[in-house]
Amino acid sequence: MAAREIFDGSSPETTRAYYAALAKRGPAGDVAVNLFRAQKCSARAKRYRGGIRGVGSYRCSYRSMAYSTKSWAMKNLCQVLAAHGDELGISFGWKRHREVVFGARPSWVLYIDLPQGQVSFHSPDRLSAHEYPGEWDRERKSEERILEFCDVIFRSEVRAGYQLAFAFG
């Protein structure tokens, strides 16, 4: 399975199978699953219109549900990176972004330094205490970098249910 195919597709069964295959690759797989999920939800939320028929609440809009799942994935991502980021060689942290606001509040940005380059996500809330020491690389390549990372992890060797070796090249 290629990450791009799963990302562009809309089969819940195929996506769940992809997540399960990534999760078998240990902490790197957990990072990949949550990066993929957050990016897919973010991309979808920007396009969604409408919601659950007969329910008028904003919380039941497809956009709101996608952003809620994105936030949940980002929180999971922060937890796995706090526990395993150093051993994986992946740094991360948060910075305030005053130009992008949620309501009347400046947003937060989660920056993650993958071997493929920096990726980032905006959030109305800061989901961990980690500070990001660097600056935004001014490139808008999160999606392609995340999908490349997921492809590398997906192709990595799995032994005894734990990701033992993956090569970034």
N, C-alpha and C. Protein backbone atom coordinates (compact mmCIF):
# COMPACT_ATOMS: atom_id res chain seq x y z
N MET A 1 0.84 -1.19 0.00
CA MET A 1 0.00 0.00 0.00
C MET A 1 0.88 1.24 0.00
N ALA A 2 0.54 2.16 -0.84
CA ALA A 2 1.25 3.44 -0.87
C ALA A 2 0.44 4.47 -0.10
N ALA A 3 1.12 5.29 0.66
CA ALA A 3 0.45 6.29 1.49
C ALA A 3 -0.45 7.20 0.66
N ARG A 4 0.00 7.62 -0.51
CA ARG A 4 -0.80 8.52 -1.34
C ARG A 4 -2.13 7.89 -1.73
N GLU A 5 -2.12 6.61 -2.08
CA GLU A 5 -3.36 5.92 -2.45
C GLU A 5 -4.36 5.93 -1.29
N ILE A 6 -3.87 5.63 -0.10
CA ILE A 6 -4.74 5.59 1.08
C ILE A 6 -5.23 7.00 1.40
N PHE A 7 -4.33 7.97 1.33
CA PHE A 7 -4.66 9.36 1.65
C PHE A 7 -5.74 9.90 0.72
N ASP A 8 -5.60 9.63 -0.57
CA ASP A 8 -6.55 10.15 -1.55
C ASP A 8 -7.84 9.33 -1.60
N GLY A 9 -7.80 8.12 -1.09
CA GLY A 9 -8.97 7.25 -1.11
C GLY A 9 -9.96 7.59 -0.02
N SER A 10 -11.09 6.89 -0.07
CA SER A 10 -12.12 7.15 0.93
C SER A 10 -12.70 5.86 1.50
N SER A 11 -11.89 4.79 1.49
CA SER A 11 -12.35 3.52 2.05
C SER A 11 -11.95 3.41 3.51
N PRO A 12 -12.92 3.44 4.43
CA PRO A 12 -12.58 3.30 5.85
C PRO A 12 -11.87 1.98 6.16
N GLU A 13 -12.29 0.91 5.50
CA GLU A 13 -11.67 -0.40 5.76
C GLU A 13 -10.20 -0.41 5.35
N THR A 14 -9.91 0.14 4.18
CA THR A 14 -8.52 0.19 3.70
C THR A 14 -7.68 1.08 4.59
N THR A 15 -8.24 2.20 5.02
CA THR A 15 -7.51 3.12 5.91
C THR A 15 -7.21 2.44 7.24
N ARG A 16 -8.19 1.76 7.81
CA ARG A 16 -7.97 1.05 9.08
C ARG A 16 -6.90 -0.03 8.92
N ALA A 17 -6.91 -0.76 7.80
CA ALA A 17 -5.90 -1.79 7.56
C ALA A 17 -4.51 -1.16 7.45
N TYR A 18 -4.45 0.00 6.82
CA TYR A 18 -3.18 0.72 6.68
C TYR A 18 -2.66 1.16 8.06
N TYR A 19 -3.55 1.72 8.88
CA TYR A 19 -3.16 2.12 10.24
C TYR A 19 -2.66 0.91 11.03
N ALA A 20 -3.33 -0.22 10.91
CA ALA A 20 -2.92 -1.43 11.64
C ALA A 20 -1.54 -1.89 11.18
N ALA A 21 -1.29 -1.84 9.88
CA ALA A 21 0.02 -2.25 9.36
C ALA A 21 1.12 -1.30 9.86
N LEU A 22 0.84 -0.01 9.88
CA LEU A 22 1.83 0.95 10.40
C LEU A 22 2.07 0.73 11.90
N ALA A 23 1.00 0.50 12.65
CA ALA A 23 1.11 0.33 14.10
C ALA A 23 2.00 -0.84 14.47
N LYS A 24 2.11 -1.84 13.60
CA LYS A 24 2.97 -3.00 13.87
C LYS A 24 4.45 -2.62 13.83
N ARG A 25 4.76 -1.42 13.38
CA ARG A 25 6.15 -1.00 13.26
C ARG A 25 6.63 -0.23 14.49
N GLY A 26 5.96 -0.42 15.60
CA GLY A 26 6.41 0.15 16.88
C GLY A 26 6.22 1.64 16.96
N PRO A 27 7.05 2.32 17.76
CA PRO A 27 6.90 3.76 17.97
C PRO A 27 6.94 4.57 16.67
N ALA A 28 7.79 4.19 15.72
CA ALA A 28 7.83 4.92 14.45
C ALA A 28 6.50 4.77 13.72
N GLY A 29 5.91 3.59 13.82
CA GLY A 29 4.60 3.36 13.23
C GLY A 29 3.52 4.17 13.91
N ASP A 30 3.61 4.29 15.24
CA ASP A 30 2.65 5.12 15.97
C ASP A 30 2.76 6.58 15.55
N VAL A 31 3.98 7.05 15.34
CA VAL A 31 4.19 8.41 14.84
C VAL A 31 3.55 8.54 13.46
N ALA A 32 3.82 7.57 12.59
CA ALA A 32 3.29 7.62 11.22
C ALA A 32 1.77 7.62 11.21
N VAL A 33 1.15 6.75 11.99
CA VAL A 33 -0.32 6.69 12.04
C VAL A 33 -0.90 8.04 12.43
N ASN A 34 -0.37 8.64 13.47
CA ASN A 34 -0.95 9.89 13.96
C ASN A 34 -0.64 11.08 13.07
N LEU A 35 0.54 11.09 12.43
CA LEU A 35 0.83 12.12 11.44
C LEU A 35 -0.14 12.01 10.26
N PHE A 36 -0.30 10.79 9.76
CA PHE A 36 -1.17 10.53 8.62
C PHE A 36 -2.60 10.95 8.96
N ARG A 37 -3.09 10.51 10.10
CA ARG A 37 -4.47 10.81 10.51
C ARG A 37 -4.68 12.32 10.65
N ALA A 38 -3.75 13.00 11.31
CA ALA A 38 -3.88 14.45 11.49
C ALA A 38 -3.88 15.18 10.15
N GLN A 39 -2.99 14.76 9.24
CA GLN A 39 -2.90 15.42 7.94
C GLN A 39 -4.14 15.15 7.10
N LYS A 40 -4.61 13.90 7.11
CA LYS A 40 -5.80 13.57 6.33
C LYS A 40 -7.03 14.32 6.86
N CYS A 41 -7.18 14.38 8.17
CA CYS A 41 -8.31 15.12 8.76
C CYS A 41 -8.22 16.60 8.45
N SER A 42 -7.04 17.16 8.52
CA SER A 42 -6.86 18.58 8.22
C SER A 42 -7.23 18.88 6.78
N ALA A 43 -6.74 18.05 5.86
CA ALA A 43 -7.03 18.26 4.44
C ALA A 43 -8.53 18.11 4.16
N ARG A 44 -9.15 17.12 4.75
CA ARG A 44 -10.58 16.88 4.53
C ARG A 44 -11.42 18.00 5.14
N ALA A 45 -11.07 18.44 6.33
CA ALA A 45 -11.86 19.47 7.01
C ALA A 45 -11.94 20.74 6.18
N LYS A 46 -10.89 21.05 5.47
CA LYS A 46 -10.87 22.28 4.66
C LYS A 46 -11.83 22.19 3.48
N ARG A 47 -12.23 20.98 3.10
CA ARG A 47 -13.14 20.80 1.96
C ARG A 47 -14.57 20.46 2.36
N TYR A 48 -14.76 19.96 3.58
CA TYR A 48 -16.08 19.47 3.99
C TYR A 48 -17.11 20.58 4.09
N ARG A 49 -18.34 20.21 3.74
CA ARG A 49 -19.52 21.05 3.93
C ARG A 49 -20.60 20.13 4.48
N GLY A 50 -21.53 20.66 5.23
CA GLY A 50 -22.65 19.87 5.71
C GLY A 50 -22.34 19.13 6.99
N GLY A 51 -23.24 18.21 7.32
CA GLY A 51 -23.08 17.47 8.56
C GLY A 51 -24.08 16.34 8.65
N ILE A 52 -24.30 15.89 9.86
CA ILE A 52 -25.23 14.79 10.08
C ILE A 52 -26.65 15.32 9.89
N ARG A 53 -27.38 14.69 8.99
CA ARG A 53 -28.73 15.12 8.64
C ARG A 53 -29.64 15.17 9.88
N GLY A 54 -30.33 16.29 10.02
CA GLY A 54 -31.28 16.44 11.12
C GLY A 54 -30.68 16.96 12.41
N VAL A 55 -29.37 17.15 12.43
CA VAL A 55 -28.71 17.67 13.63
C VAL A 55 -28.12 19.02 13.27
N GLY A 56 -28.58 20.06 13.94
CA GLY A 56 -28.18 21.41 13.57
C GLY A 56 -26.96 21.94 14.27
N SER A 57 -26.35 21.18 15.13
CA SER A 57 -25.23 21.67 15.92
C SER A 57 -23.94 21.73 15.10
N TYR A 58 -23.13 22.76 15.36
CA TYR A 58 -21.82 22.87 14.71
C TYR A 58 -20.96 21.64 15.01
N ARG A 59 -21.10 21.09 16.23
CA ARG A 59 -20.29 19.92 16.61
C ARG A 59 -20.60 18.71 15.76
N CYS A 60 -21.71 18.72 15.06
CA CYS A 60 -22.09 17.59 14.21
C CYS A 60 -21.78 17.87 12.74
N SER A 61 -21.11 18.97 12.45
CA SER A 61 -20.70 19.22 11.07
C SER A 61 -19.51 18.32 10.75
N TYR A 62 -19.41 17.92 9.50
CA TYR A 62 -18.29 17.07 9.09
C TYR A 62 -16.96 17.77 9.34
N ARG A 63 -16.93 19.06 9.10
CA ARG A 63 -15.71 19.84 9.32
C ARG A 63 -15.29 19.78 10.79
N SER A 64 -16.23 20.02 11.68
CA SER A 64 -15.93 20.01 13.11
C SER A 64 -15.46 18.63 13.56
N MET A 65 -16.12 17.59 13.07
CA MET A 65 -15.72 16.23 13.45
C MET A 65 -14.31 15.92 12.94
N ALA A 66 -13.98 16.37 11.73
CA ALA A 66 -12.63 16.15 11.20
C ALA A 66 -11.59 16.89 12.03
N TYR A 67 -11.89 18.14 12.41
CA TYR A 67 -10.94 18.88 13.24
C TYR A 67 -10.79 18.26 14.63
N SER A 68 -11.85 17.70 15.17
CA SER A 68 -11.76 17.01 16.47
C SER A 68 -10.85 15.79 16.37
N THR A 69 -10.98 15.04 15.28
CA THR A 69 -10.12 13.87 15.09
C THR A 69 -8.67 14.31 14.87
N LYS A 70 -8.48 15.40 14.15
CA LYS A 70 -7.12 15.93 13.95
C LYS A 70 -6.50 16.28 15.30
N SER A 71 -7.24 16.96 16.15
CA SER A 71 -6.73 17.34 17.46
C SER A 71 -6.39 16.11 18.29
N TRP A 72 -7.25 15.10 18.27
CA TRP A 72 -7.00 13.85 18.98
C TRP A 72 -5.71 13.19 18.47
N ALA A 73 -5.53 13.15 17.15
CA ALA A 73 -4.31 12.57 16.57
C ALA A 73 -3.08 13.38 16.97
N MET A 74 -3.19 14.70 17.00
CA MET A 74 -2.07 15.54 17.40
C MET A 74 -1.69 15.30 18.86
N LYS A 75 -2.68 15.12 19.70
CA LYS A 75 -2.41 14.83 21.12
C LYS A 75 -1.69 13.49 21.24
N ASN A 76 -2.17 12.47 20.52
CA ASN A 76 -1.50 11.16 20.51
C ASN A 76 -0.07 11.29 20.00
N LEU A 77 0.09 12.08 18.96
CA LEU A 77 1.40 12.29 18.36
C LEU A 77 2.36 12.91 19.37
N CYS A 78 1.90 13.91 20.11
CA CYS A 78 2.74 14.54 21.13
C CYS A 78 3.15 13.52 22.20
N GLN A 79 2.23 12.64 22.58
CA GLN A 79 2.54 11.65 23.60
C GLN A 79 3.59 10.65 23.12
N VAL A 80 3.43 10.14 21.89
CA VAL A 80 4.40 9.16 21.39
C VAL A 80 5.76 9.83 21.13
N LEU A 81 5.76 11.08 20.69
CA LEU A 81 7.03 11.77 20.47
C LEU A 81 7.72 12.12 21.78
N ALA A 82 6.95 12.45 22.81
CA ALA A 82 7.55 12.71 24.13
C ALA A 82 8.23 11.44 24.65
N ALA A 83 7.62 10.30 24.39
CA ALA A 83 8.17 9.03 24.87
C ALA A 83 9.29 8.47 23.99
N HIS A 84 9.22 8.69 22.68
CA HIS A 84 10.14 8.01 21.76
C HIS A 84 10.82 8.91 20.74
N GLY A 85 10.54 10.20 20.77
CA GLY A 85 11.12 11.11 19.78
C GLY A 85 12.63 11.10 19.74
N ASP A 86 13.26 11.10 20.90
CA ASP A 86 14.73 11.11 20.94
C ASP A 86 15.32 9.86 20.30
N GLU A 87 14.77 8.69 20.65
CA GLU A 87 15.31 7.45 20.08
C GLU A 87 15.04 7.36 18.58
N LEU A 88 13.98 8.02 18.10
CA LEU A 88 13.67 8.02 16.67
C LEU A 88 14.38 9.14 15.92
N GLY A 89 14.98 10.06 16.65
CA GLY A 89 15.64 11.20 16.01
C GLY A 89 14.66 12.21 15.45
N ILE A 90 13.50 12.32 16.11
CA ILE A 90 12.46 13.24 15.66
C ILE A 90 12.20 14.25 16.78
N SER A 91 12.48 15.52 16.50
CA SER A 91 12.21 16.55 17.50
C SER A 91 10.87 17.22 17.18
N PHE A 92 10.27 17.83 18.20
CA PHE A 92 8.98 18.48 18.02
C PHE A 92 8.78 19.52 19.10
N GLY A 93 7.79 20.35 18.90
CA GLY A 93 7.42 21.34 19.91
C GLY A 93 6.43 22.34 19.36
N TRP A 94 6.02 23.23 20.25
CA TRP A 94 4.97 24.20 19.96
C TRP A 94 5.51 25.62 19.94
N LYS A 95 4.89 26.44 19.09
CA LYS A 95 5.14 27.88 19.04
C LYS A 95 3.82 28.60 18.81
N ARG A 96 3.73 29.78 19.37
CA ARG A 96 2.54 30.62 19.17
C ARG A 96 2.59 31.21 17.76
N HIS A 97 1.43 31.33 17.13
CA HIS A 97 1.33 31.94 15.79
C HIS A 97 0.25 33.01 15.85
N ARG A 98 0.68 34.25 16.03
CA ARG A 98 -0.25 35.33 16.28
C ARG A 98 -1.05 35.76 15.05
N GLU A 99 -0.56 35.45 13.85
CA GLU A 99 -1.26 35.87 12.64
C GLU A 99 -2.44 34.97 12.29
N VAL A 100 -2.44 33.73 12.75
CA VAL A 100 -3.55 32.83 12.51
C VAL A 100 -4.32 32.71 13.82
N VAL A 101 -5.59 33.11 13.78
CA VAL A 101 -6.38 33.11 15.01
C VAL A 101 -7.52 32.10 14.92
N PHE A 102 -7.90 31.59 16.08
CA PHE A 102 -9.09 30.76 16.26
C PHE A 102 -10.00 31.56 17.18
N GLY A 103 -11.10 32.02 16.64
CA GLY A 103 -11.92 32.95 17.40
C GLY A 103 -11.15 34.25 17.53
N ALA A 104 -10.91 34.67 18.74
CA ALA A 104 -10.11 35.88 18.97
C ALA A 104 -8.72 35.56 19.49
N ARG A 105 -8.40 34.26 19.60
CA ARG A 105 -7.11 33.86 20.19
C ARG A 105 -6.09 33.48 19.13
N PRO A 106 -4.84 33.89 19.33
CA PRO A 106 -3.79 33.42 18.42
C PRO A 106 -3.68 31.89 18.50
N SER A 107 -3.32 31.28 17.40
CA SER A 107 -3.23 29.83 17.36
C SER A 107 -1.86 29.35 17.85
N TRP A 108 -1.76 28.05 17.99
CA TRP A 108 -0.51 27.37 18.28
C TRP A 108 -0.14 26.54 17.06
N VAL A 109 1.15 26.33 16.87
CA VAL A 109 1.62 25.47 15.79
C VAL A 109 2.50 24.38 16.37
N LEU A 110 2.18 23.16 16.01
CA LEU A 110 3.01 22.01 16.35
C LEU A 110 3.97 21.78 15.20
N TYR A 111 5.27 21.88 15.49
CA TYR A 111 6.31 21.63 14.49
C TYR A 111 6.95 20.28 14.80
N ILE A 112 7.20 19.50 13.75
CA ILE A 112 7.83 18.20 13.89
C ILE A 112 8.92 18.11 12.83
N ASP A 113 10.13 17.75 13.27
CA ASP A 113 11.26 17.62 12.35
C ASP A 113 11.46 16.16 11.98
N LEU A 114 10.88 15.76 10.85
CA LEU A 114 11.06 14.41 10.33
C LEU A 114 12.35 14.35 9.53
N PRO A 115 12.86 13.16 9.25
CA PRO A 115 14.02 13.05 8.36
C PRO A 115 13.74 13.66 6.98
N GLN A 116 12.47 13.69 6.57
CA GLN A 116 12.09 14.25 5.27
C GLN A 116 11.97 15.77 5.31
N GLY A 117 12.02 16.36 6.48
CA GLY A 117 11.89 17.81 6.63
C GLY A 117 10.83 18.15 7.65
N GLN A 118 10.66 19.44 7.86
CA GLN A 118 9.72 19.94 8.87
C GLN A 118 8.28 19.80 8.38
N VAL A 119 7.40 19.41 9.32
CA VAL A 119 5.96 19.42 9.08
C VAL A 119 5.31 20.18 10.23
N SER A 120 4.11 20.70 9.99
CA SER A 120 3.47 21.50 11.04
C SER A 120 1.96 21.43 10.94
N PHE A 121 1.32 21.70 12.08
CA PHE A 121 -0.13 21.72 12.19
C PHE A 121 -0.54 22.87 13.09
N HIS A 122 -1.58 23.61 12.68
CA HIS A 122 -2.16 24.65 13.54
C HIS A 122 -3.17 24.03 14.48
N SER A 123 -3.32 24.65 15.63
CA SER A 123 -4.27 24.19 16.63
C SER A 123 -4.73 25.38 17.46
N PRO A 124 -5.99 25.37 17.90
CA PRO A 124 -6.41 26.44 18.80
C PRO A 124 -5.81 26.28 20.20
N ASP A 125 -5.40 25.05 20.52
CA ASP A 125 -4.85 24.77 21.85
C ASP A 125 -3.47 24.13 21.74
N ARG A 126 -2.68 24.40 22.72
CA ARG A 126 -1.37 23.76 22.83
C ARG A 126 -1.60 22.42 23.54
N LEU A 127 -1.13 21.34 22.92
CA LEU A 127 -1.46 20.00 23.40
C LEU A 127 -0.32 19.31 24.15
N SER A 128 0.79 19.99 24.35
CA SER A 128 1.87 19.49 25.21
C SER A 128 2.74 20.67 25.61
N ALA A 129 3.62 20.45 26.56
CA ALA A 129 4.46 21.53 27.09
C ALA A 129 5.74 21.74 26.28
N HIS A 130 6.03 20.88 25.32
CA HIS A 130 7.28 20.97 24.56
C HIS A 130 7.34 22.27 23.75
N GLU A 131 8.45 22.98 23.91
CA GLU A 131 8.71 24.19 23.15
C GLU A 131 9.47 23.82 21.88
N TYR A 132 9.17 24.50 20.77
CA TYR A 132 9.93 24.28 19.54
C TYR A 132 11.01 25.34 19.46
N PRO A 133 12.29 24.94 19.40
CA PRO A 133 13.37 25.91 19.43
C PRO A 133 13.64 26.59 18.09
N GLY A 134 13.19 25.99 17.01
CA GLY A 134 13.50 26.52 15.68
C GLY A 134 12.44 27.46 15.16
N GLU A 135 12.50 27.67 13.87
CA GLU A 135 11.55 28.53 13.18
C GLU A 135 10.90 27.74 12.05
N TRP A 136 9.79 28.25 11.55
CA TRP A 136 9.12 27.65 10.41
C TRP A 136 10.04 27.72 9.21
N ASP A 137 10.14 26.63 8.46
CA ASP A 137 11.04 26.60 7.29
C ASP A 137 10.46 27.32 6.08
N ARG A 138 9.24 27.84 6.19
CA ARG A 138 8.54 28.61 5.17
C ARG A 138 8.20 27.77 3.93
N GLU A 139 8.22 26.47 4.10
CA GLU A 139 7.81 25.57 3.01
C GLU A 139 6.48 24.95 3.40
N ARG A 140 5.65 24.77 2.44
CA ARG A 140 4.33 24.18 2.68
C ARG A 140 4.34 22.76 2.12
N LYS A 141 5.14 21.90 2.76
CA LYS A 141 5.33 20.55 2.25
C LYS A 141 4.96 19.47 3.25
N SER A 142 4.14 19.81 4.24
CA SER A 142 3.79 18.83 5.27
C SER A 142 3.18 17.57 4.67
N GLU A 143 2.22 17.72 3.79
CA GLU A 143 1.53 16.54 3.26
C GLU A 143 2.50 15.60 2.56
N GLU A 144 3.29 16.12 1.64
CA GLU A 144 4.20 15.23 0.91
C GLU A 144 5.27 14.62 1.82
N ARG A 145 5.74 15.37 2.80
CA ARG A 145 6.75 14.84 3.73
C ARG A 145 6.16 13.76 4.64
N ILE A 146 4.94 13.98 5.09
CA ILE A 146 4.28 12.97 5.93
C ILE A 146 4.05 11.69 5.14
N LEU A 147 3.56 11.81 3.92
CA LEU A 147 3.31 10.62 3.11
C LEU A 147 4.60 9.87 2.80
N GLU A 148 5.67 10.60 2.54
CA GLU A 148 6.97 9.95 2.31
C GLU A 148 7.44 9.23 3.58
N PHE A 149 7.30 9.87 4.73
CA PHE A 149 7.66 9.25 6.00
C PHE A 149 6.86 7.96 6.20
N CYS A 150 5.55 8.04 5.96
CA CYS A 150 4.70 6.85 6.12
C CYS A 150 5.12 5.73 5.18
N ASP A 151 5.48 6.06 3.95
CA ASP A 151 5.95 5.03 3.00
C ASP A 151 7.21 4.36 3.51
N VAL A 152 8.14 5.13 4.05
CA VAL A 152 9.37 4.56 4.59
C VAL A 152 9.06 3.62 5.76
N ILE A 153 8.21 4.07 6.66
CA ILE A 153 7.87 3.24 7.82
C ILE A 153 7.10 2.00 7.38
N PHE A 154 6.19 2.15 6.45
CA PHE A 154 5.40 1.01 5.97
C PHE A 154 6.31 -0.07 5.37
N ARG A 155 7.35 0.36 4.65
CA ARG A 155 8.28 -0.59 4.01
C ARG A 155 9.32 -1.13 4.97
N SER A 156 9.38 -0.60 6.20
CA SER A 156 10.41 -1.04 7.13
C SER A 156 10.16 -2.46 7.59
N GLU A 157 11.22 -3.09 8.03
CA GLU A 157 11.15 -4.48 8.47
C GLU A 157 10.51 -4.58 9.85
N VAL A 158 9.68 -5.58 10.01
CA VAL A 158 9.00 -5.79 11.29
C VAL A 158 9.39 -7.17 11.82
N ARG A 159 9.80 -7.20 13.07
CA ARG A 159 10.12 -8.46 13.73
C ARG A 159 9.45 -8.46 15.09
N ALA A 160 8.74 -9.51 15.39
CA ALA A 160 8.09 -9.69 16.70
C ALA A 160 7.20 -8.50 17.06
N GLY A 161 6.55 -7.93 16.03
CA GLY A 161 5.61 -6.85 16.29
C GLY A 161 6.25 -5.53 16.65
N TYR A 162 7.55 -5.40 16.52
CA TYR A 162 8.22 -4.16 16.88
C TYR A 162 9.11 -3.72 15.75
N GLN A 163 9.05 -2.44 15.44
CA GLN A 163 9.86 -1.90 14.36
C GLN A 163 11.31 -1.86 14.82
N LEU A 164 12.16 -2.64 14.16
CA LEU A 164 13.56 -2.72 14.56
C LEU A 164 14.50 -1.88 13.71
N ALA A 165 14.18 -1.80 12.44
CA ALA A 165 15.12 -1.09 11.58
C ALA A 165 14.36 -0.39 10.46
N PHE A 166 14.61 0.89 10.32
CA PHE A 166 14.13 1.59 9.14
C PHE A 166 15.20 2.56 8.72
N ALA A 167 15.29 2.76 7.43
CA ALA A 167 16.36 3.61 6.90
C ALA A 167 15.74 4.82 6.23
N PHE A 168 16.22 5.97 6.61
CA PHE A 168 15.82 7.19 5.95
C PHE A 168 16.92 7.54 4.97
N GLY A 169 16.54 7.67 3.73
CA GLY A 169 17.57 7.94 2.74
C GLY A 169 17.26 8.99 1.79
